[in-house]
Amino acid sequence: MDSAVLIHRLHFAFTVTFHYLFPQLTMGLAPLLVALKTIGLWKNDERYNQAAHFWAKIFGISFVFGVVTGIPMEFQFGTNWSHFSKFAGGVIGQTLAMEGTFAFFLESAFLGLFLFGENRMSKMAHWWTGVAVFFGSWLSGYFIIATDAWMQHPVAYQSTADGAVTLSSFWGLLLNPWAVWQYAHNMAGAAVTGAFVMAAVGAYYLLSEKLSERYVEQGKIFVKVGVISGIVASLLVIGPTGDGQGRNLARYQPASLAAMEAHFDTKTADLVILGQPNVEDKTIDNPLIVPKALSFLVNRDWKSQVRGLSSFPESEWPTSIPLLYYAYHIMVGLGTIFMAVMLISAIQLWRKKLYETKWLLWVLMLSFPLPYVANTAGWMTAEIGRQPYVVYGLMRTIDGFSKSVSASNAWFTLLGFLGMYTLLAILFLFLVGRELAHGMEYVETVAPAPAKSGKAIAAGRK
């Protein structure tokens, strides 16, 4: 592949990967904020209300960093991928504009009200601001997913005289069958991230000798809510959403599916658990398989045939089959681990022994980076699997980058982004670490409850 396009791909891959560390947390925390506020109102328990305030602070920090790192990607469409923008701007511009105009402003406006407006509105009104933040966050996710889904499975477009494409059906774009399953799977993955982060913070409070006495109640709430939401999200990732997205691949990108499993020959297909893809010999080395399972997952028939890579021209194969294979299997393997961890934790929670099971609290605390790895691997699977196209079947990646921007220029800006984003990462960790050190006591200081609820606050401090 041309060196310039490779650097442009690395550049965008870095910026989008770093950026998505933040939205996946905000989208994962958004429903949990609503859950905490709902429980607080339902039980008239100020501890849950304070917990919602605490996590809203974490949400707000992550939201700001998501905005800062998201804006450069919009410009990269023009600076690094100008030919792609000229070709597809008439379609993807619709969803990108709607994400900024509607979803982003909805989320940001009501986040401000949620953080700073509680003492100026009724409890139900404040609860509705949390719902609006949740809705705006997830609506924003849908518009972005709809954009990527069109690149994966182009629909509702028509060609123009100059070779570009324009939108022919607005609802066809939004209701792209690829978008529905991709969105469901992506949001379930974000929910897993939010659940593991919340449970990890709770486990940290319970395990820390310095903080356990001060924040034991908060820690129990975070662990409980994180585990309950985590087992639901983990089930959704593996079950209907993962299965639906897999069948999408079988229907619309069969070559990508074959590459993910390193399935070279058209035959009854085994599901590969472990093994190393050998592209030169078109086989799997040292395979650990589940016989005929891939045939069943794809076609609901144990004896059905699944098309192998050899049935497609090599020009249509994904450009990095080993990387695609490993990214896919890391995602699937971690998803299985998430289910196991949350299932064991849920059993211990039901038995009322989770808070005293220190080894399991350690597992919960140390597991929080893994959903980030799994989500990143999932997006790598989607984007590498689409290759060699930037718009599947319509425009190859080699034709989409800015030809006038040399590899050396792309390297210069990539190194600059690496430096700036390193500083941003340090700042993010500092701000979040400060919030974790202060805990919910800090929330009480900056956002006191009305005077009439002083008894509840005093009880919470005890």
Protein backbone atom coordinates (compact mmCIF):
# COMPACT_ATOMS: atom_id res chain seq x y z
CA MET A 1 0.00 0.00 0.00
CA ASP A 2 1.17 3.56 -0.76
CA SER A 3 3.14 4.95 2.21
CA ALA A 4 1.16 8.21 2.28
CA VAL A 5 -2.24 6.52 2.58
CA LEU A 6 -0.87 4.25 5.30
CA ILE A 7 0.25 7.26 7.36
CA HIS A 8 -3.10 8.98 6.81
CA ARG A 9 -4.85 5.83 8.03
CA LEU A 10 -2.60 5.63 11.09
CA HIS A 11 -3.24 9.30 11.78
CA PHE A 12 -7.00 8.95 11.75
CA ALA A 13 -6.85 5.64 13.59
CA PHE A 14 -4.92 7.26 16.43
CA THR A 15 -7.15 10.31 16.74
CA VAL A 16 -10.40 8.35 16.60
CA THR A 17 -9.14 5.65 19.00
CA PHE A 18 -8.03 8.22 21.55
CA HIS A 19 -11.25 10.19 21.13
CA TYR A 20 -13.50 7.20 21.64
CA LEU A 21 -12.01 6.54 25.08
CA PHE A 22 -14.22 9.39 26.30
CA PRO A 23 -17.60 8.98 24.54
CA GLN A 24 -17.79 5.30 25.41
CA LEU A 25 -17.57 6.27 29.09
CA THR A 26 -20.15 9.06 28.84
CA MET A 27 -22.55 6.86 26.86
CA GLY A 28 -21.99 4.06 29.36
CA LEU A 29 -22.53 6.30 32.39
CA ALA A 30 -25.59 8.14 31.01
CA PRO A 31 -28.14 5.39 31.77
CA LEU A 32 -26.48 4.78 35.15
CA LEU A 33 -26.96 8.45 36.10
CA VAL A 34 -30.66 8.06 35.37
CA ALA A 35 -30.75 4.81 37.33
CA LEU A 36 -29.11 6.41 40.38
CA LYS A 37 -31.44 9.40 40.29
CA THR A 38 -34.46 7.12 39.86
CA ILE A 39 -33.51 4.94 42.82
CA GLY A 40 -32.86 8.04 44.92
CA LEU A 41 -36.32 9.41 44.18
CA TRP A 42 -38.05 6.05 44.51
CA LYS A 43 -36.46 5.18 47.85
CA ASN A 44 -36.09 8.79 49.02
CA ASP A 45 -32.44 7.91 49.64
CA GLU A 46 -30.04 10.84 49.48
CA ARG A 47 -27.04 8.52 49.05
CA TYR A 48 -28.13 7.62 45.52
CA ASN A 49 -28.72 11.26 44.68
CA GLN A 50 -25.21 12.09 45.86
CA ALA A 51 -23.86 9.15 43.87
CA ALA A 52 -25.52 10.60 40.75
CA HIS A 53 -23.82 13.95 41.47
CA PHE A 54 -20.45 12.24 41.85
CA TRP A 55 -20.71 10.37 38.56
CA ALA A 56 -22.06 13.43 36.80
CA LYS A 57 -18.72 15.08 37.60
CA ILE A 58 -16.86 12.17 36.00
CA PHE A 59 -19.30 12.31 33.09
CA GLY A 60 -18.68 16.04 32.67
CA ILE A 61 -14.90 15.67 32.63
CA SER A 62 -15.09 12.88 30.05
CA PHE A 63 -17.60 14.88 28.00
CA VAL A 64 -15.28 17.88 27.77
CA PHE A 65 -12.34 15.75 26.68
CA GLY A 66 -14.57 14.00 24.14
CA VAL A 67 -15.45 17.36 22.61
CA VAL A 68 -11.84 18.54 22.51
CA THR A 69 -10.61 15.35 20.83
CA GLY A 70 -13.64 14.98 18.55
CA ILE A 71 -13.43 18.32 16.76
CA PRO A 72 -10.08 17.58 15.01
CA MET A 73 -11.58 14.51 13.35
CA GLU A 74 -14.15 16.66 11.56
CA PHE A 75 -11.31 18.68 10.08
CA GLN A 76 -9.38 15.56 9.15
CA PHE A 77 -12.08 14.68 6.64
CA GLY A 78 -10.99 17.76 4.72
CA THR A 79 -7.27 17.81 5.41
CA ASN A 80 -6.42 14.11 5.19
CA TRP A 81 -9.39 12.58 3.34
CA SER A 82 -10.46 15.29 0.92
CA HIS A 83 -11.27 12.94 -1.99
CA PHE A 84 -13.48 10.85 0.29
CA SER A 85 -15.18 14.02 1.56
CA LYS A 86 -15.80 15.25 -1.98
CA PHE A 87 -17.21 11.86 -2.96
CA ALA A 88 -19.40 11.13 0.08
CA GLY A 89 -19.98 14.52 1.72
CA GLY A 90 -23.45 14.80 0.22
CA VAL A 91 -24.50 11.78 2.31
CA ILE A 92 -22.44 11.66 5.50
CA GLY A 93 -22.68 15.43 5.95
CA GLN A 94 -26.34 14.97 6.88
CA THR A 95 -25.79 12.75 9.91
CA LEU A 96 -22.64 14.54 11.06
CA ALA A 97 -24.44 17.89 10.98
CA MET A 98 -27.41 16.46 12.87
CA GLU A 99 -25.13 15.03 15.52
CA GLY A 100 -23.65 18.45 16.19
CA THR A 101 -26.81 20.52 15.77
CA PHE A 102 -29.27 18.37 17.71
CA ALA A 103 -27.70 15.68 19.86
CA PHE A 104 -24.56 17.52 21.01
CA PHE A 105 -26.37 20.70 22.04
CA LEU A 106 -29.13 18.70 23.72
CA GLU A 107 -26.60 16.74 25.76
CA SER A 108 -24.39 19.71 26.66
CA ALA A 109 -27.25 22.06 27.62
CA PHE A 110 -28.97 19.60 29.91
CA LEU A 111 -25.66 18.42 31.37
CA GLY A 112 -25.15 21.97 32.61
CA LEU A 113 -28.61 21.94 34.18
CA PHE A 114 -27.98 18.54 35.74
CA LEU A 115 -24.67 19.63 37.26
CA PHE A 116 -25.58 23.12 38.46
CA GLY A 117 -29.34 23.45 38.47
CA GLU A 118 -30.62 21.02 41.09
CA ASN A 119 -31.22 23.68 43.75
CA ARG A 120 -33.18 25.77 41.25
CA MET A 121 -35.73 23.17 40.15
CA SER A 122 -37.94 20.45 41.54
CA LYS A 123 -36.68 16.91 42.06
CA MET A 124 -38.69 15.62 39.09
CA ALA A 125 -37.46 18.44 36.85
CA HIS A 126 -33.89 17.59 37.78
CA TRP A 127 -34.59 13.93 37.05
CA TRP A 128 -35.82 14.92 33.58
CA THR A 129 -32.57 16.78 32.92
CA GLY A 130 -30.76 13.49 33.57
CA VAL A 131 -33.05 11.73 31.12
CA ALA A 132 -32.33 14.44 28.54
CA VAL A 133 -28.57 13.98 29.03
CA PHE A 134 -29.02 10.24 28.51
CA PHE A 135 -31.16 10.77 25.41
CA GLY A 136 -28.78 13.34 23.92
CA SER A 137 -25.75 11.14 24.56
CA TRP A 138 -27.28 8.08 22.93
CA LEU A 139 -28.82 10.09 20.08
CA SER A 140 -25.38 11.50 19.35
CA GLY A 141 -24.08 7.95 19.21
CA TYR A 142 -26.75 6.95 16.72
CA PHE A 143 -25.93 9.71 14.25
CA ILE A 144 -22.23 8.79 14.33
CA ILE A 145 -23.03 5.10 13.95
CA ALA A 146 -25.39 5.86 11.04
CA THR A 147 -22.50 7.64 9.33
CA ASP A 148 -20.14 4.71 9.74
CA ALA A 149 -22.90 2.24 8.84
CA TRP A 150 -23.33 3.97 5.49
CA MET A 151 -19.61 3.50 4.85
CA GLN A 152 -20.01 -0.18 5.73
CA HIS A 153 -23.24 -0.74 3.79
CA PRO A 154 -24.08 2.16 1.45
CA VAL A 155 -27.84 2.75 1.03
CA ALA A 156 -30.20 5.57 0.00
CA TYR A 157 -27.77 7.30 -2.37
CA GLN A 158 -27.58 8.28 -6.02
CA SER A 159 -24.62 9.12 -8.21
CA THR A 160 -24.07 12.56 -9.70
CA ALA A 161 -22.52 13.58 -12.99
CA ASP A 162 -19.17 14.41 -11.37
CA GLY A 163 -18.85 10.93 -9.82
CA ALA A 164 -19.89 11.89 -6.28
CA VAL A 165 -22.94 10.58 -4.41
CA THR A 166 -25.87 12.41 -2.85
CA LEU A 167 -28.62 11.38 -0.50
CA SER A 168 -31.78 10.00 -2.06
CA SER A 169 -33.68 9.04 1.10
CA PHE A 170 -33.13 10.60 4.51
CA TRP A 171 -35.00 7.84 6.35
CA GLY A 172 -33.23 5.21 4.28
CA LEU A 173 -29.93 6.57 5.63
CA LEU A 174 -31.10 6.65 9.26
CA LEU A 175 -32.79 3.23 9.12
CA ASN A 176 -29.94 1.46 7.35
CA PRO A 177 -30.21 -2.20 8.47
CA TRP A 178 -26.49 -2.19 9.21
CA ALA A 179 -26.89 0.84 11.53
CA VAL A 180 -29.55 -0.79 13.70
CA TRP A 181 -27.44 -3.77 14.77
CA GLN A 182 -24.16 -1.85 14.83
CA TYR A 183 -25.71 0.78 17.10
CA ALA A 184 -27.19 -1.79 19.46
CA HIS A 185 -23.89 -3.65 19.70
CA ASN A 186 -21.87 -0.47 20.15
CA MET A 187 -24.09 0.94 22.88
CA ALA A 188 -24.07 -2.37 24.73
CA GLY A 189 -20.28 -2.20 24.61
CA ALA A 190 -20.34 1.35 25.99
CA ALA A 191 -22.70 0.20 28.76
CA VAL A 192 -20.18 -2.51 29.67
CA THR A 193 -17.50 0.18 29.99
CA GLY A 194 -19.68 2.34 32.24
CA ALA A 195 -20.62 -0.62 34.43
CA PHE A 196 -17.05 -1.85 34.86
CA VAL A 197 -15.74 1.63 35.63
CA MET A 198 -18.42 2.21 38.26
CA ALA A 199 -17.87 -1.21 39.83
CA ALA A 200 -14.09 -0.68 39.77
CA VAL A 201 -14.35 2.63 41.63
CA GLY A 202 -16.63 1.02 44.20
CA ALA A 203 -14.20 -1.87 44.64
CA TYR A 204 -11.34 0.61 45.03
CA TYR A 205 -13.17 2.38 47.84
CA LEU A 206 -13.93 -0.91 49.61
CA LEU A 207 -10.37 -2.21 49.28
CA SER A 208 -8.52 1.00 50.16
CA GLU A 209 -7.47 1.12 53.81
CA LYS A 210 -7.44 4.93 53.77
CA LEU A 211 -10.82 5.38 52.08
CA SER A 212 -12.87 2.32 53.06
CA GLU A 213 -14.16 3.82 56.33
CA ARG A 214 -15.12 7.16 54.75
CA TYR A 215 -16.66 5.78 51.58
CA VAL A 216 -17.86 2.29 52.46
CA GLU A 217 -21.52 3.09 51.67
CA GLN A 218 -20.61 4.79 48.41
CA GLY A 219 -18.40 1.87 47.47
CA LYS A 220 -21.22 -0.61 48.05
CA ILE A 221 -23.62 1.44 45.93
CA PHE A 222 -21.14 1.70 43.06
CA VAL A 223 -20.33 -2.01 43.14
CA LYS A 224 -23.99 -3.02 43.33
CA VAL A 225 -25.18 -0.78 40.49
CA GLY A 226 -22.11 -1.58 38.40
CA VAL A 227 -22.49 -5.35 38.74
CA ILE A 228 -26.26 -5.42 38.07
CA SER A 229 -25.95 -3.20 35.01
CA GLY A 230 -22.78 -4.99 33.94
CA ILE A 231 -24.33 -8.42 33.74
CA VAL A 232 -27.22 -7.08 31.65
CA ALA A 233 -24.87 -5.22 29.29
CA SER A 234 -22.53 -8.20 28.98
CA LEU A 235 -25.44 -10.44 28.03
CA LEU A 236 -26.59 -7.95 25.39
CA VAL A 237 -23.10 -7.70 23.89
CA ILE A 238 -22.81 -11.46 23.46
CA GLY A 239 -26.43 -12.29 22.74
CA PRO A 240 -28.79 -10.44 20.44
CA THR A 241 -26.54 -7.53 19.44
CA GLY A 242 -23.35 -9.47 18.74
CA ASP A 243 -25.26 -12.20 16.94
CA GLY A 244 -27.22 -9.66 14.89
CA GLN A 245 -24.08 -7.83 13.83
CA GLY A 246 -22.42 -11.12 12.92
CA ARG A 247 -25.30 -12.05 10.65
CA ASN A 248 -25.09 -8.57 9.11
CA LEU A 249 -21.50 -9.38 8.17
CA ALA A 250 -22.48 -12.73 6.69
CA ARG A 251 -25.11 -11.05 4.54
CA TYR A 252 -23.38 -7.84 3.42
CA GLN A 253 -19.61 -8.42 3.93
CA PRO A 254 -19.01 -12.19 3.63
CA ALA A 255 -15.33 -11.71 2.77
CA SER A 256 -14.82 -9.75 6.00
CA LEU A 257 -16.50 -12.46 8.04
CA ALA A 258 -14.32 -15.13 6.44
CA ALA A 259 -11.20 -13.09 7.20
CA MET A 260 -12.20 -12.61 10.85
CA GLU A 261 -12.30 -16.37 11.28
CA ALA A 262 -9.43 -17.05 8.82
CA HIS A 263 -11.90 -19.26 6.95
CA PHE A 264 -10.36 -19.87 3.52
CA ASP A 265 -12.37 -22.70 1.93
CA THR A 266 -16.11 -22.77 1.29
CA LYS A 267 -17.38 -25.61 3.47
CA THR A 268 -19.07 -26.42 6.73
CA ALA A 269 -17.33 -23.97 9.04
CA ASP A 270 -15.87 -24.48 12.49
CA LEU A 271 -15.70 -21.69 15.08
CA VAL A 272 -12.05 -20.94 15.86
CA ILE A 273 -11.39 -20.26 19.55
CA LEU A 274 -7.58 -20.07 19.32
CA GLY A 275 -5.09 -20.39 16.52
CA GLN A 276 -2.79 -18.43 14.25
CA PRO A 277 -3.90 -17.50 10.73
CA ASN A 278 -1.46 -18.64 8.05
CA VAL A 279 -2.42 -16.56 5.03
CA GLU A 280 0.34 -17.95 2.81
CA ASP A 281 -0.84 -21.55 3.27
CA LYS A 282 -4.49 -20.51 3.67
CA THR A 283 -4.98 -22.38 6.92
CA ILE A 284 -5.07 -22.01 10.71
CA ASP A 285 -2.04 -23.15 12.69
CA ASN A 286 -2.59 -24.88 16.05
CA PRO A 287 -6.37 -24.48 15.97
CA LEU A 288 -8.73 -24.91 18.90
CA ILE A 289 -12.19 -25.13 17.37
CA VAL A 290 -15.86 -25.78 18.03
CA PRO A 291 -16.87 -28.06 15.11
CA LYS A 292 -19.52 -26.63 12.75
CA ALA A 293 -20.40 -23.83 15.17
CA LEU A 294 -19.74 -21.01 12.69
CA SER A 295 -22.14 -22.63 10.21
CA PHE A 296 -24.83 -22.64 12.88
CA LEU A 297 -24.18 -19.06 14.00
CA VAL A 298 -24.30 -17.75 10.43
CA ASN A 299 -27.09 -19.84 8.93
CA ARG A 300 -28.76 -21.56 11.92
CA ASP A 301 -27.81 -24.85 10.26
CA TRP A 302 -24.97 -27.02 11.55
CA LYS A 303 -24.40 -28.54 8.11
CA SER A 304 -24.57 -25.38 5.98
CA GLN A 305 -21.62 -24.09 4.01
CA VAL A 306 -19.96 -20.75 4.72
CA ARG A 307 -18.11 -18.97 1.93
CA GLY A 308 -14.36 -18.94 2.37
CA LEU A 309 -11.88 -16.25 1.35
CA SER A 310 -10.72 -18.36 -1.59
CA SER A 311 -14.10 -17.79 -3.27
CA PHE A 312 -13.39 -14.05 -3.48
CA PRO A 313 -10.75 -12.30 -5.61
CA GLU A 314 -7.71 -11.47 -3.50
CA SER A 315 -8.21 -7.82 -4.47
CA GLU A 316 -11.39 -7.94 -2.35
CA TRP A 317 -9.72 -9.42 0.72
CA PRO A 318 -9.19 -7.20 3.79
CA THR A 319 -5.68 -5.80 3.58
CA SER A 320 -4.44 -7.09 6.95
CA ILE A 321 -6.04 -10.45 7.69
CA PRO A 322 -3.88 -11.36 10.73
CA LEU A 323 -4.58 -8.01 12.44
CA LEU A 324 -8.29 -8.34 11.68
CA TYR A 325 -8.35 -11.90 12.97
CA TYR A 326 -6.62 -11.05 16.25
CA ALA A 327 -8.67 -7.88 16.85
CA TYR A 328 -11.89 -9.85 16.38
CA HIS A 329 -10.82 -12.68 18.68
CA ILE A 330 -9.62 -10.26 21.38
CA MET A 331 -13.03 -8.59 21.30
CA VAL A 332 -14.91 -11.89 21.52
CA GLY A 333 -12.59 -13.33 24.16
CA LEU A 334 -12.89 -10.28 26.40
CA GLY A 335 -16.66 -10.26 25.98
CA THR A 336 -16.74 -13.81 27.32
CA ILE A 337 -14.53 -12.79 30.27
CA PHE A 338 -16.85 -9.87 31.06
CA MET A 339 -19.80 -12.22 31.24
CA ALA A 340 -17.95 -14.58 33.56
CA VAL A 341 -16.72 -11.83 35.90
CA MET A 342 -20.13 -10.18 36.17
CA LEU A 343 -21.94 -13.50 36.59
CA ILE A 344 -19.69 -14.54 39.50
CA SER A 345 -20.02 -11.06 41.02
CA ALA A 346 -23.81 -11.14 40.67
CA ILE A 347 -23.98 -14.51 42.42
CA GLN A 348 -21.87 -13.21 45.28
CA LEU A 349 -24.00 -10.06 45.45
CA TRP A 350 -27.17 -12.20 45.64
CA ARG A 351 -25.55 -14.23 48.42
CA LYS A 352 -24.66 -10.94 50.19
CA LYS A 353 -20.98 -11.87 50.24
CA LEU A 354 -19.58 -9.71 47.43
CA TYR A 355 -18.42 -6.81 49.60
CA GLU A 356 -16.32 -9.17 51.75
CA THR A 357 -14.93 -11.24 48.85
CA LYS A 358 -11.69 -9.34 48.44
CA TRP A 359 -10.23 -11.38 45.59
CA LEU A 360 -13.33 -10.67 43.51
CA LEU A 361 -13.22 -6.97 44.40
CA TRP A 362 -9.62 -6.97 43.16
CA VAL A 363 -10.78 -8.57 39.91
CA LEU A 364 -13.48 -5.92 39.48
CA MET A 365 -11.06 -3.09 40.22
CA LEU A 366 -8.31 -4.32 37.90
CA SER A 367 -10.71 -5.22 35.07
CA PHE A 368 -11.79 -1.66 34.28
CA PRO A 369 -9.28 -1.13 31.39
CA LEU A 370 -10.47 -4.28 29.60
CA PRO A 371 -13.74 -2.86 28.20
CA TYR A 372 -11.70 -0.07 26.61
CA VAL A 373 -9.50 -2.71 24.98
CA ALA A 374 -12.54 -4.69 23.83
CA ASN A 375 -14.30 -1.65 22.36
CA THR A 376 -11.13 -0.59 20.57
CA ALA A 377 -10.67 -4.11 19.20
CA GLY A 378 -14.31 -4.09 18.08
CA TRP A 379 -13.88 -0.87 16.13
CA MET A 380 -10.64 -2.18 14.64
CA THR A 381 -12.57 -5.26 13.51
CA ALA A 382 -15.21 -3.11 11.83
CA GLU A 383 -12.85 -0.71 10.11
CA ILE A 384 -10.13 -3.17 9.07
CA GLY A 385 -12.83 -5.58 7.92
CA ARG A 386 -14.21 -2.94 5.53
CA GLN A 387 -10.87 -2.69 3.73
CA PRO A 388 -9.81 -2.30 0.96
CA TYR A 389 -12.76 0.13 0.78
CA VAL A 390 -13.39 3.39 2.57
CA VAL A 391 -17.00 3.14 1.34
CA TYR A 392 -17.72 -0.54 0.90
CA GLY A 393 -18.08 -1.46 -2.76
CA LEU A 394 -18.01 2.16 -3.94
CA MET A 395 -14.68 3.79 -3.13
CA ARG A 396 -11.36 2.18 -2.30
CA THR A 397 -9.25 3.58 0.53
CA ILE A 398 -6.37 4.27 -1.84
CA ASP A 399 -8.64 6.67 -3.75
CA GLY A 400 -10.00 8.55 -0.72
CA PHE A 401 -7.02 10.25 0.90
CA SER A 402 -5.63 13.73 0.14
CA LYS A 403 -3.06 13.21 -2.60
CA SER A 404 -1.52 16.65 -2.06
CA VAL A 405 -0.65 15.89 1.59
CA SER A 406 2.61 13.95 1.59
CA ALA A 407 3.59 11.18 3.97
CA SER A 408 6.13 13.47 5.69
CA ASN A 409 3.46 16.12 6.30
CA ALA A 410 1.11 13.50 7.72
CA TRP A 411 3.90 12.21 9.97
CA PHE A 412 4.54 15.75 11.24
CA THR A 413 0.92 16.29 12.29
CA LEU A 414 0.62 12.76 13.70
CA LEU A 415 3.63 13.33 15.96
CA GLY A 416 2.15 16.66 17.00
CA PHE A 417 -1.13 14.98 17.94
CA LEU A 418 0.76 12.31 19.87
CA GLY A 419 2.39 14.99 21.97
CA MET A 420 -0.76 17.02 22.58
CA TYR A 421 -2.89 13.99 23.37
CA THR A 422 -0.30 12.71 25.84
CA LEU A 423 -0.70 15.98 27.75
CA LEU A 424 -4.49 15.67 27.53
CA ALA A 425 -4.34 12.12 28.88
CA ILE A 426 -2.25 13.27 31.86
CA LEU A 427 -4.70 16.12 32.55
CA PHE A 428 -7.68 13.78 32.30
CA LEU A 429 -6.17 11.28 34.74
CA PHE A 430 -5.30 14.10 37.14
CA LEU A 431 -8.84 15.53 37.12
CA VAL A 432 -10.52 12.15 37.51
CA GLY A 433 -8.04 11.12 40.20
CA ARG A 434 -8.82 14.28 42.13
CA GLU A 435 -12.55 13.53 42.01
CA LEU A 436 -11.95 9.96 43.17
CA ALA A 437 -9.81 11.20 46.07
CA HIS A 438 -12.49 13.67 47.20
CA GLY A 439 -15.33 11.21 46.67
CA MET A 440 -18.94 12.20 47.27
CA GLU A 441 -17.93 14.47 50.18
CA TYR A 442 -16.56 16.90 47.59
CA VAL A 443 -19.91 16.84 45.78
CA GLU A 444 -21.66 17.86 48.98
CA THR A 445 -19.34 20.85 49.29
CA VAL A 446 -19.89 22.25 45.81
CA ALA A 447 -23.51 21.23 45.37
CA PRO A 448 -25.26 21.25 48.75
CA ALA A 449 -28.79 20.00 48.98
CA PRO A 450 -31.57 22.37 50.07
CA ALA A 451 -31.74 23.17 53.76
CA LYS A 452 -34.82 21.03 54.31
CA SER A 453 -32.80 17.92 53.43
CA GLY A 454 -29.98 18.74 55.87
CA LYS A 455 -30.82 15.77 58.06
CA ALA A 456 -30.40 13.42 55.16
CA ILE A 457 -27.02 14.97 54.34
CA ALA A 458 -25.88 14.73 57.93
CA ALA A 459 -26.92 11.09 58.01
CA GLY A 460 -24.99 10.46 54.79
CA ARG A 461 -21.82 11.98 56.25
CA LYS A 462 -21.96 9.63 59.17
